[in-house]
């Protein structure tokens, strides 16, 4: 994948050993979704590499980009058919206990929870019914409150990061966000969870 290629070029990843970056600090600036068919694999790999980096004394910080925020808001315009199909297969595999146990790691079932709209969320249910069936699993996993949005993006990722005197954000920061301070960006973090 392009992610593994980038980590290999940065000399922090090896396909056989995993994280080889020692105390290196890497910042991924967002847009892990809407960039190809392997969104689920990218999400799982970034989590794995971040854990390995931490164990080795380094760090992989993963920021939210506008495409994570758009997906959390239910925007599926940029999702590839292949990514949607991958989420559909993931949901089918991980929702069947017999299949899930034998294929859990390969299919990233640790990220899976039952996919559904909350009972009284009419907006979610309306969006779900208006989209092609193949996109529904992806939509439910990535929408605010969905398992990936809540457990990965909401708990492990932020819209900004300061290391030393350097501010990292996806795509920049505007005067209104600066004037609003951290509370504005913290609010953006909460929109994905």
N, C-alpha and C. Protein backbone atom coordinates (compact mmCIF):
# COMPACT_ATOMS: atom_id res chain seq x y z
N UNK A 1 0.84 -1.19 0.00
CA UNK A 1 0.00 0.00 0.00
C UNK A 1 0.88 1.25 0.00
N UNK A 2 0.29 2.36 -0.36
CA UNK A 2 1.01 3.65 -0.37
C UNK A 2 1.46 4.01 1.04
N UNK A 3 0.66 3.67 2.05
CA UNK A 3 1.04 3.96 3.43
C UNK A 3 2.31 3.21 3.80
N UNK A 4 2.36 1.93 3.53
CA UNK A 4 3.57 1.16 3.84
C UNK A 4 4.77 1.69 3.07
N UNK A 5 4.54 2.09 1.82
CA UNK A 5 5.61 2.65 1.01
C UNK A 5 6.15 3.92 1.64
N UNK A 6 5.26 4.80 2.09
CA UNK A 6 5.69 6.06 2.73
C UNK A 6 6.45 5.80 4.02
N UNK A 7 5.95 4.87 4.84
CA UNK A 7 6.63 4.55 6.10
C UNK A 7 7.99 3.89 5.85
N UNK A 8 8.08 3.11 4.79
CA UNK A 8 9.35 2.48 4.42
C UNK A 8 10.35 3.53 3.95
N UNK A 9 9.90 4.45 3.11
CA UNK A 9 10.77 5.54 2.64
C UNK A 9 11.28 6.37 3.82
N UNK A 10 10.42 6.56 4.81
CA UNK A 10 10.80 7.33 6.01
C UNK A 10 11.70 6.52 6.94
N UNK A 11 11.94 5.27 6.61
CA UNK A 11 12.80 4.36 7.37
C UNK A 11 12.28 4.11 8.79
N UNK A 12 10.96 4.01 8.91
CA UNK A 12 10.37 3.70 10.22
C UNK A 12 9.56 2.40 10.18
N UNK A 13 9.44 1.79 9.01
CA UNK A 13 8.61 0.59 8.85
C UNK A 13 9.32 -0.44 7.99
N UNK A 14 9.17 -1.71 8.40
CA UNK A 14 9.66 -2.83 7.62
C UNK A 14 8.55 -3.88 7.62
N UNK A 15 8.24 -4.43 6.46
CA UNK A 15 7.13 -5.39 6.36
C UNK A 15 7.31 -6.61 7.25
N UNK A 16 8.52 -7.01 7.54
CA UNK A 16 8.71 -8.19 8.38
C UNK A 16 8.84 -7.85 9.86
N UNK A 17 9.37 -6.68 10.18
CA UNK A 17 9.61 -6.32 11.57
C UNK A 17 8.59 -5.32 12.14
N UNK A 18 7.87 -4.63 11.29
CA UNK A 18 6.97 -3.57 11.76
C UNK A 18 7.74 -2.29 11.98
N UNK A 19 7.47 -1.61 13.10
CA UNK A 19 8.12 -0.32 13.40
C UNK A 19 9.61 -0.53 13.63
N UNK A 20 10.43 0.18 12.87
CA UNK A 20 11.88 0.13 13.05
C UNK A 20 12.42 1.53 13.31
N UNK A 21 11.54 2.46 13.61
CA UNK A 21 11.93 3.86 13.75
C UNK A 21 12.49 4.24 15.10
N UNK A 22 12.55 3.28 16.05
CA UNK A 22 13.08 3.62 17.37
C UNK A 22 12.33 4.79 17.98
N UNK A 23 13.06 5.85 18.33
CA UNK A 23 12.46 7.01 18.99
C UNK A 23 11.96 8.08 18.01
N UNK A 24 11.91 7.76 16.74
CA UNK A 24 11.43 8.71 15.73
C UNK A 24 9.97 9.09 15.98
N UNK A 25 9.66 10.35 15.72
CA UNK A 25 8.28 10.83 15.82
C UNK A 25 7.78 11.12 14.41
N UNK A 26 6.65 10.52 14.05
CA UNK A 26 6.03 10.70 12.74
C UNK A 26 4.64 11.28 12.95
N UNK A 27 4.27 12.26 12.12
CA UNK A 27 2.93 12.84 12.18
C UNK A 27 2.25 12.59 10.84
N UNK A 28 1.12 11.89 10.86
CA UNK A 28 0.31 11.66 9.67
C UNK A 28 -0.77 12.73 9.70
N UNK A 29 -0.91 13.50 8.62
CA UNK A 29 -1.72 14.71 8.63
C UNK A 29 -3.16 14.53 8.17
N UNK A 30 -3.69 13.33 8.24
CA UNK A 30 -5.11 13.13 7.95
C UNK A 30 -5.41 12.63 6.56
N UNK A 31 -6.69 12.52 6.29
CA UNK A 31 -7.21 11.96 5.04
C UNK A 31 -6.79 10.51 4.84
N UNK A 32 -7.11 9.70 5.84
CA UNK A 32 -6.87 8.26 5.72
C UNK A 32 -8.00 7.60 4.94
N UNK A 33 -9.11 8.31 4.74
CA UNK A 33 -10.23 7.78 3.97
C UNK A 33 -10.39 8.59 2.69
N UNK A 34 -11.18 8.04 1.78
CA UNK A 34 -11.46 8.68 0.48
C UNK A 34 -10.22 8.77 -0.40
N UNK A 35 -9.27 7.87 -0.19
CA UNK A 35 -8.03 7.88 -0.98
C UNK A 35 -7.77 6.55 -1.66
N UNK A 36 -8.78 5.69 -1.71
CA UNK A 36 -8.59 4.39 -2.35
C UNK A 36 -9.44 3.32 -1.69
N UNK A 37 -9.23 2.11 -2.14
CA UNK A 37 -10.06 0.99 -1.70
C UNK A 37 -9.67 0.44 -0.33
N UNK A 38 -8.48 0.78 0.17
CA UNK A 38 -7.97 0.12 1.38
C UNK A 38 -8.11 0.95 2.66
N UNK A 39 -9.19 1.70 2.79
CA UNK A 39 -9.41 2.55 3.97
C UNK A 39 -9.38 1.76 5.27
N UNK A 40 -10.02 0.63 5.29
CA UNK A 40 -10.08 -0.19 6.50
C UNK A 40 -8.70 -0.70 6.87
N UNK A 41 -7.95 -1.15 5.89
CA UNK A 41 -6.60 -1.64 6.13
C UNK A 41 -5.69 -0.51 6.60
N UNK A 42 -5.84 0.67 6.02
CA UNK A 42 -5.05 1.84 6.43
C UNK A 42 -5.36 2.19 7.88
N UNK A 43 -6.63 2.20 8.24
CA UNK A 43 -7.03 2.50 9.62
C UNK A 43 -6.39 1.50 10.59
N UNK A 44 -6.48 0.22 10.27
CA UNK A 44 -5.93 -0.81 11.14
C UNK A 44 -4.40 -0.73 11.20
N UNK A 45 -3.76 -0.50 10.06
CA UNK A 45 -2.30 -0.43 10.05
C UNK A 45 -1.80 0.77 10.84
N UNK A 46 -2.45 1.91 10.70
CA UNK A 46 -2.03 3.09 11.46
C UNK A 46 -2.13 2.84 12.96
N UNK A 47 -3.19 2.17 13.39
CA UNK A 47 -3.32 1.84 14.82
C UNK A 47 -2.17 0.93 15.26
N UNK A 48 -1.89 -0.09 14.46
CA UNK A 48 -0.83 -1.05 14.78
C UNK A 48 0.53 -0.35 14.86
N UNK A 49 0.84 0.47 13.87
CA UNK A 49 2.13 1.15 13.84
C UNK A 49 2.25 2.13 15.01
N UNK A 50 1.16 2.84 15.35
CA UNK A 50 1.20 3.78 16.48
C UNK A 50 1.52 3.04 17.78
N UNK A 51 0.93 1.87 17.98
CA UNK A 51 1.21 1.07 19.18
C UNK A 51 2.66 0.59 19.21
N UNK A 52 3.13 0.10 18.08
CA UNK A 52 4.51 -0.38 18.01
C UNK A 52 5.50 0.76 18.23
N UNK A 53 5.22 1.92 17.65
CA UNK A 53 6.10 3.08 17.82
C UNK A 53 6.19 3.47 19.29
N UNK A 54 5.05 3.50 19.95
CA UNK A 54 5.01 3.87 21.37
C UNK A 54 5.82 2.89 22.21
N UNK A 55 5.67 1.59 21.92
CA UNK A 55 6.41 0.56 22.65
C UNK A 55 7.92 0.70 22.45
N UNK A 56 8.33 1.23 21.29
CA UNK A 56 9.75 1.38 20.98
C UNK A 56 10.32 2.73 21.43
N UNK A 57 9.47 3.57 22.02
CA UNK A 57 9.94 4.89 22.46
C UNK A 57 9.77 5.98 21.43
N UNK A 58 9.13 5.66 20.32
CA UNK A 58 8.85 6.67 19.29
C UNK A 58 7.39 7.05 19.34
N UNK A 59 6.91 7.62 18.24
CA UNK A 59 5.50 7.99 18.19
C UNK A 59 5.04 8.10 16.74
N UNK A 60 3.81 7.69 16.53
CA UNK A 60 3.09 7.98 15.28
C UNK A 60 1.82 8.70 15.71
N UNK A 61 1.77 9.99 15.43
CA UNK A 61 0.59 10.79 15.73
C UNK A 61 -0.25 10.86 14.45
N UNK A 62 -1.53 10.59 14.57
CA UNK A 62 -2.42 10.52 13.41
C UNK A 62 -3.48 11.59 13.56
N UNK A 63 -3.52 12.52 12.64
CA UNK A 63 -4.48 13.62 12.70
C UNK A 63 -5.70 13.32 11.84
N UNK A 64 -6.77 14.02 12.15
CA UNK A 64 -7.99 13.95 11.36
C UNK A 64 -7.90 14.97 10.23
N UNK A 65 -8.27 14.54 9.05
CA UNK A 65 -8.36 15.46 7.92
C UNK A 65 -9.80 15.76 7.60
N UNK A 66 -10.01 16.60 6.62
CA UNK A 66 -11.38 16.96 6.25
C UNK A 66 -12.18 15.75 5.76
N UNK A 67 -11.53 14.74 5.22
CA UNK A 67 -12.29 13.58 4.72
C UNK A 67 -12.77 12.68 5.86
N UNK A 68 -12.04 12.62 6.99
CA UNK A 68 -12.57 11.92 8.15
C UNK A 68 -13.79 12.66 8.69
N UNK A 69 -13.68 13.98 8.75
CA UNK A 69 -14.80 14.78 9.26
C UNK A 69 -16.00 14.66 8.32
N UNK A 70 -15.76 14.72 7.01
CA UNK A 70 -16.86 14.57 6.05
C UNK A 70 -17.52 13.20 6.18
N UNK A 71 -16.71 12.15 6.34
CA UNK A 71 -17.27 10.81 6.49
C UNK A 71 -18.07 10.69 7.78
N UNK A 72 -17.58 11.31 8.85
CA UNK A 72 -18.31 11.30 10.11
C UNK A 72 -19.65 12.01 9.99
N UNK A 73 -19.73 12.95 9.05
CA UNK A 73 -20.98 13.68 8.80
C UNK A 73 -21.87 12.96 7.79
N UNK A 74 -21.42 11.81 7.31
CA UNK A 74 -22.23 11.00 6.40
C UNK A 74 -22.00 11.27 4.93
N UNK A 75 -20.98 12.01 4.60
CA UNK A 75 -20.69 12.34 3.20
C UNK A 75 -19.95 11.17 2.55
N UNK A 76 -20.57 10.54 1.57
CA UNK A 76 -19.96 9.38 0.91
C UNK A 76 -19.50 9.69 -0.52
N UNK A 77 -19.53 10.95 -0.93
CA UNK A 77 -19.22 11.32 -2.31
C UNK A 77 -17.87 10.84 -2.80
N UNK A 78 -16.88 10.81 -1.92
CA UNK A 78 -15.53 10.49 -2.36
C UNK A 78 -15.12 9.05 -2.07
N UNK A 79 -16.00 8.27 -1.50
CA UNK A 79 -15.69 6.87 -1.22
C UNK A 79 -15.64 6.08 -2.52
N UNK A 80 -14.63 5.26 -2.66
CA UNK A 80 -14.55 4.44 -3.87
C UNK A 80 -15.49 3.25 -3.72
N UNK A 81 -15.97 2.73 -4.85
CA UNK A 81 -16.80 1.51 -4.77
C UNK A 81 -16.05 0.36 -4.10
N UNK A 82 -14.74 0.28 -4.33
CA UNK A 82 -13.94 -0.77 -3.70
C UNK A 82 -13.89 -0.63 -2.18
N UNK A 83 -13.76 0.59 -1.69
CA UNK A 83 -13.75 0.81 -0.24
C UNK A 83 -15.11 0.45 0.35
N UNK A 84 -16.16 0.86 -0.32
CA UNK A 84 -17.51 0.52 0.15
C UNK A 84 -17.71 -0.99 0.19
N UNK A 85 -17.25 -1.69 -0.84
CA UNK A 85 -17.37 -3.15 -0.88
C UNK A 85 -16.55 -3.80 0.23
N UNK A 86 -15.38 -3.23 0.50
CA UNK A 86 -14.53 -3.78 1.57
C UNK A 86 -15.22 -3.66 2.93
N UNK A 87 -15.87 -2.52 3.20
CA UNK A 87 -16.61 -2.35 4.45
C UNK A 87 -17.81 -3.30 4.51
N UNK A 88 -18.46 -3.51 3.36
CA UNK A 88 -19.59 -4.44 3.31
C UNK A 88 -19.11 -5.86 3.68
N UNK A 89 -18.00 -6.29 3.06
CA UNK A 89 -17.45 -7.62 3.36
C UNK A 89 -17.01 -7.72 4.83
N UNK A 90 -16.40 -6.65 5.34
CA UNK A 90 -15.97 -6.59 6.74
C UNK A 90 -17.16 -6.79 7.67
N UNK A 91 -18.25 -6.10 7.39
CA UNK A 91 -19.43 -6.22 8.23
C UNK A 91 -20.01 -7.64 8.15
N UNK A 92 -20.07 -8.19 6.95
CA UNK A 92 -20.59 -9.55 6.78
C UNK A 92 -19.74 -10.56 7.54
N UNK A 93 -18.42 -10.47 7.39
CA UNK A 93 -17.51 -11.42 8.02
C UNK A 93 -17.53 -11.29 9.54
N UNK A 94 -17.40 -10.08 10.03
CA UNK A 94 -17.26 -9.88 11.48
C UNK A 94 -18.56 -10.05 12.24
N UNK A 95 -19.70 -9.97 11.54
CA UNK A 95 -20.98 -10.13 12.23
C UNK A 95 -21.37 -11.60 12.40
N UNK A 96 -20.64 -12.51 11.76
CA UNK A 96 -20.91 -13.94 11.89
C UNK A 96 -19.86 -14.55 12.80
N UNK A 97 -20.23 -14.90 14.05
CA UNK A 97 -19.24 -15.36 15.04
C UNK A 97 -18.33 -16.49 14.56
N UNK A 98 -18.86 -17.46 13.85
CA UNK A 98 -18.02 -18.57 13.40
C UNK A 98 -16.95 -18.10 12.42
N UNK A 99 -17.36 -17.26 11.48
CA UNK A 99 -16.40 -16.74 10.50
C UNK A 99 -15.46 -15.74 11.14
N UNK A 100 -16.00 -14.92 12.03
CA UNK A 100 -15.20 -13.85 12.62
C UNK A 100 -14.03 -14.40 13.43
N UNK A 101 -14.24 -15.46 14.18
CA UNK A 101 -13.16 -15.98 15.04
C UNK A 101 -11.98 -16.49 14.21
N UNK A 102 -12.25 -17.12 13.10
CA UNK A 102 -11.15 -17.66 12.29
C UNK A 102 -10.52 -16.61 11.37
N UNK A 103 -11.22 -15.52 11.14
CA UNK A 103 -10.73 -14.50 10.21
C UNK A 103 -10.59 -13.13 10.86
N UNK A 104 -10.64 -13.07 12.19
CA UNK A 104 -10.71 -11.80 12.90
C UNK A 104 -9.55 -10.87 12.60
N UNK A 105 -8.34 -11.38 12.67
CA UNK A 105 -7.19 -10.50 12.46
C UNK A 105 -7.10 -10.03 11.01
N UNK A 106 -7.25 -10.95 10.10
CA UNK A 106 -7.17 -10.63 8.67
C UNK A 106 -8.23 -9.61 8.26
N UNK A 107 -9.38 -9.66 8.90
CA UNK A 107 -10.49 -8.77 8.52
C UNK A 107 -10.69 -7.61 9.48
N UNK A 108 -9.80 -7.44 10.45
CA UNK A 108 -9.84 -6.30 11.37
C UNK A 108 -11.13 -6.26 12.19
N UNK A 109 -11.55 -7.43 12.62
CA UNK A 109 -12.80 -7.52 13.39
C UNK A 109 -12.70 -6.85 14.76
N UNK A 110 -11.47 -6.54 15.21
CA UNK A 110 -11.33 -5.81 16.46
C UNK A 110 -11.91 -4.40 16.35
N UNK A 111 -12.08 -3.91 15.15
CA UNK A 111 -12.68 -2.58 14.93
C UNK A 111 -14.20 -2.65 14.79
N UNK A 112 -14.74 -3.84 14.67
CA UNK A 112 -16.16 -4.01 14.33
C UNK A 112 -17.05 -4.01 15.56
N UNK A 113 -18.20 -3.42 15.41
CA UNK A 113 -19.34 -3.53 16.32
C UNK A 113 -20.57 -3.60 15.43
N UNK A 114 -21.70 -4.08 15.94
CA UNK A 114 -22.90 -4.10 15.09
C UNK A 114 -23.18 -2.71 14.49
N UNK A 115 -23.46 -2.69 13.21
CA UNK A 115 -23.67 -1.44 12.50
C UNK A 115 -25.15 -1.15 12.36
N UNK A 116 -25.57 -0.03 12.91
CA UNK A 116 -26.98 0.37 12.79
C UNK A 116 -27.11 1.84 13.17
N UNK A 117 -28.20 2.43 12.72
CA UNK A 117 -28.55 3.77 13.15
C UNK A 117 -29.18 3.68 14.53
N UNK A 118 -28.92 4.64 15.41
CA UNK A 118 -29.65 4.65 16.69
C UNK A 118 -31.16 4.68 16.43
N UNK A 119 -31.93 4.03 17.27
CA UNK A 119 -33.37 3.86 17.07
C UNK A 119 -34.11 5.15 16.72
N UNK A 120 -33.80 6.23 17.39
CA UNK A 120 -34.58 7.46 17.18
C UNK A 120 -33.88 8.45 16.27
N UNK A 121 -32.81 8.03 15.61
CA UNK A 121 -32.07 8.93 14.73
C UNK A 121 -32.65 8.85 13.32
N UNK A 122 -33.67 9.65 13.09
CA UNK A 122 -34.38 9.65 11.81
C UNK A 122 -33.46 10.13 10.69
N UNK A 123 -32.60 11.10 10.99
CA UNK A 123 -31.69 11.62 9.97
C UNK A 123 -30.76 10.50 9.47
N UNK A 124 -30.20 9.73 10.37
CA UNK A 124 -29.33 8.61 10.00
C UNK A 124 -30.10 7.60 9.16
N UNK A 125 -31.29 7.25 9.62
CA UNK A 125 -32.08 6.26 8.90
C UNK A 125 -32.46 6.75 7.51
N UNK A 126 -32.76 8.04 7.38
CA UNK A 126 -33.10 8.61 6.08
C UNK A 126 -31.88 8.57 5.15
N UNK A 127 -30.72 8.98 5.67
CA UNK A 127 -29.50 8.94 4.87
C UNK A 127 -29.21 7.52 4.40
N UNK A 128 -29.35 6.58 5.30
CA UNK A 128 -29.06 5.18 5.00
C UNK A 128 -29.94 4.66 3.86
N UNK A 129 -31.21 4.98 3.89
CA UNK A 129 -32.14 4.49 2.88
C UNK A 129 -31.95 5.18 1.52
N UNK A 130 -31.35 6.37 1.52
CA UNK A 130 -31.18 7.10 0.27
C UNK A 130 -29.88 6.76 -0.46
N UNK A 131 -29.01 5.98 0.16
CA UNK A 131 -27.73 5.68 -0.48
C UNK A 131 -27.73 4.27 -1.05
N UNK A 132 -26.86 4.01 -2.02
CA UNK A 132 -26.75 2.65 -2.55
C UNK A 132 -26.40 1.67 -1.43
N UNK A 133 -26.96 0.49 -1.49
CA UNK A 133 -26.78 -0.52 -0.44
C UNK A 133 -25.31 -0.82 -0.16
N UNK A 134 -24.48 -0.81 -1.19
CA UNK A 134 -23.07 -1.16 -1.01
C UNK A 134 -22.35 -0.17 -0.09
N UNK A 135 -22.85 1.06 0.03
CA UNK A 135 -22.19 2.09 0.85
C UNK A 135 -22.65 2.07 2.31
N UNK A 136 -23.66 1.31 2.64
CA UNK A 136 -24.28 1.42 3.97
C UNK A 136 -23.35 0.99 5.11
N UNK A 137 -22.60 -0.07 4.96
CA UNK A 137 -21.71 -0.51 6.04
C UNK A 137 -20.63 0.53 6.30
N UNK A 138 -20.07 1.08 5.24
CA UNK A 138 -19.04 2.11 5.40
C UNK A 138 -19.63 3.33 6.09
N UNK A 139 -20.79 3.77 5.62
CA UNK A 139 -21.47 4.92 6.21
C UNK A 139 -21.68 4.70 7.71
N UNK A 140 -22.19 3.55 8.11
CA UNK A 140 -22.50 3.28 9.51
C UNK A 140 -21.24 3.15 10.37
N UNK A 141 -20.17 2.65 9.80
CA UNK A 141 -18.92 2.50 10.56
C UNK A 141 -18.23 3.84 10.79
N UNK A 142 -18.32 4.72 9.80
CA UNK A 142 -17.55 5.97 9.84
C UNK A 142 -18.35 7.18 10.32
N UNK A 143 -19.68 7.08 10.34
CA UNK A 143 -20.49 8.23 10.76
C UNK A 143 -20.26 8.49 12.25
N UNK A 144 -20.49 9.72 12.68
CA UNK A 144 -20.36 10.05 14.10
C UNK A 144 -21.21 9.07 14.91
N UNK A 145 -20.61 8.44 15.88
CA UNK A 145 -21.29 7.42 16.68
C UNK A 145 -21.03 6.01 16.18
N UNK A 146 -20.55 5.86 14.95
CA UNK A 146 -20.20 4.54 14.42
C UNK A 146 -18.93 4.04 15.09
N UNK A 147 -18.66 2.75 15.00
CA UNK A 147 -17.54 2.19 15.76
C UNK A 147 -16.17 2.75 15.41
N UNK A 148 -15.88 3.01 14.16
CA UNK A 148 -14.57 3.55 13.82
C UNK A 148 -14.50 5.03 14.18
N UNK A 149 -15.56 5.77 13.89
CA UNK A 149 -15.57 7.19 14.26
C UNK A 149 -15.45 7.35 15.78
N UNK A 150 -16.17 6.58 16.53
CA UNK A 150 -16.19 6.71 17.98
C UNK A 150 -14.92 6.14 18.63
N UNK A 151 -14.54 4.93 18.27
CA UNK A 151 -13.45 4.24 18.98
C UNK A 151 -12.06 4.53 18.44
N UNK A 152 -11.97 4.91 17.18
CA UNK A 152 -10.65 5.20 16.61
C UNK A 152 -10.48 6.71 16.47
N UNK A 153 -11.30 7.33 15.62
CA UNK A 153 -11.12 8.77 15.40
C UNK A 153 -11.38 9.58 16.66
N UNK A 154 -12.44 9.26 17.39
CA UNK A 154 -12.81 10.05 18.56
C UNK A 154 -11.88 9.86 19.75
N UNK A 155 -11.27 8.70 19.88
CA UNK A 155 -10.43 8.42 21.05
C UNK A 155 -8.94 8.53 20.76
N UNK A 156 -8.53 8.31 19.52
CA UNK A 156 -7.10 8.21 19.22
C UNK A 156 -6.57 9.33 18.34
N UNK A 157 -7.44 10.14 17.77
CA UNK A 157 -6.97 11.12 16.78
C UNK A 157 -7.53 12.50 17.08
N UNK A 158 -6.81 13.52 16.67
CA UNK A 158 -7.21 14.90 16.90
C UNK A 158 -7.03 15.71 15.62
N UNK A 159 -7.58 16.91 15.61
CA UNK A 159 -7.46 17.78 14.44
C UNK A 159 -6.17 18.59 14.46
N UNK A 160 -5.55 18.69 15.62
CA UNK A 160 -4.29 19.44 15.69
C UNK A 160 -3.37 18.79 16.71
N UNK A 161 -2.08 19.11 16.57
CA UNK A 161 -1.07 18.58 17.47
C UNK A 161 0.04 19.61 17.56
N UNK A 162 0.51 19.87 18.75
CA UNK A 162 1.66 20.75 18.94
C UNK A 162 2.80 19.90 19.49
N UNK A 163 3.92 19.94 18.80
CA UNK A 163 5.15 19.30 19.26
C UNK A 163 6.21 20.39 19.30
N UNK A 164 6.71 20.67 20.48
CA UNK A 164 7.66 21.78 20.63
C UNK A 164 6.97 23.07 20.27
N UNK A 165 7.51 23.78 19.31
CA UNK A 165 6.88 25.03 18.86
C UNK A 165 6.26 24.89 17.48
N UNK A 166 5.94 23.66 17.10
CA UNK A 166 5.35 23.40 15.78
C UNK A 166 3.91 22.91 15.93
N UNK A 167 3.01 23.56 15.21
CA UNK A 167 1.61 23.17 15.17
C UNK A 167 1.38 22.35 13.91
N UNK A 168 0.81 21.16 14.09
CA UNK A 168 0.47 20.29 12.97
C UNK A 168 -1.05 20.28 12.82
N UNK A 169 -1.54 20.55 11.61
CA UNK A 169 -2.96 20.47 11.28
C UNK A 169 -3.06 20.00 9.84
N UNK A 170 -4.23 19.54 9.47
CA UNK A 170 -4.48 19.14 8.09
C UNK A 170 -4.99 20.35 7.33
N UNK A 171 -4.27 20.78 6.33
CA UNK A 171 -4.76 21.82 5.43
C UNK A 171 -4.70 23.24 5.95
N UNK A 172 -4.23 23.46 7.14
CA UNK A 172 -4.08 24.82 7.64
C UNK A 172 -5.10 25.18 8.70
N UNK A 173 -4.94 26.37 9.20
CA UNK A 173 -5.80 26.88 10.26
C UNK A 173 -6.12 28.33 9.91
N UNK A 174 -7.35 28.74 10.16
CA UNK A 174 -7.72 30.11 9.78
C UNK A 174 -7.85 31.01 11.01
N UNK A 175 -8.03 32.30 10.77
CA UNK A 175 -8.07 33.29 11.84
C UNK A 175 -9.19 33.01 12.85
N UNK A 176 -10.35 32.55 12.38
CA UNK A 176 -11.47 32.28 13.29
C UNK A 176 -11.11 31.14 14.25
N UNK A 177 -10.39 30.15 13.75
CA UNK A 177 -9.98 29.05 14.61
C UNK A 177 -8.93 29.51 15.61
N UNK A 178 -8.03 30.37 15.18
CA UNK A 178 -7.02 30.91 16.09
C UNK A 178 -7.70 31.75 17.16
N UNK A 179 -8.64 32.60 16.75
CA UNK A 179 -9.35 33.46 17.70
C UNK A 179 -10.17 32.64 18.69
N UNK A 180 -10.74 31.53 18.23
CA UNK A 180 -11.54 30.67 19.10
C UNK A 180 -10.71 29.79 20.01
N UNK A 181 -9.43 29.69 19.71
CA UNK A 181 -8.54 28.89 20.55
C UNK A 181 -8.79 27.41 20.39
N UNK A 182 -8.26 26.69 21.34
CA UNK A 182 -8.34 25.23 21.31
C UNK A 182 -9.78 24.72 21.36
N UNK A 183 -10.68 25.49 21.95
CA UNK A 183 -12.06 25.01 22.06
C UNK A 183 -12.70 24.80 20.69
N UNK A 184 -12.33 25.60 19.70
CA UNK A 184 -12.87 25.44 18.35
C UNK A 184 -12.39 24.11 17.78
N UNK A 185 -11.11 23.83 17.89
CA UNK A 185 -10.57 22.59 17.35
C UNK A 185 -11.02 21.38 18.16
N UNK A 186 -11.14 21.54 19.47
CA UNK A 186 -11.67 20.44 20.28
C UNK A 186 -13.10 20.11 19.86
N UNK A 187 -13.87 21.13 19.50
CA UNK A 187 -15.24 20.91 19.01
C UNK A 187 -15.25 20.11 17.72
N UNK A 188 -14.26 20.37 16.85
CA UNK A 188 -14.16 19.59 15.61
C UNK A 188 -13.83 18.14 15.93
N UNK A 189 -12.97 17.91 16.93
CA UNK A 189 -12.65 16.54 17.34
C UNK A 189 -13.91 15.81 17.78
N UNK A 190 -14.77 16.50 18.53
CA UNK A 190 -15.99 15.87 19.05
C UNK A 190 -17.00 15.56 17.94
N UNK A 191 -16.95 16.30 16.81
CA UNK A 191 -17.92 16.04 15.75
C UNK A 191 -17.74 14.67 15.12
N UNK A 192 -16.55 14.10 15.21
CA UNK A 192 -16.33 12.79 14.59
C UNK A 192 -16.67 11.65 15.52
N UNK A 193 -16.67 11.87 16.80
CA UNK A 193 -16.91 10.79 17.75
C UNK A 193 -18.40 10.48 17.81
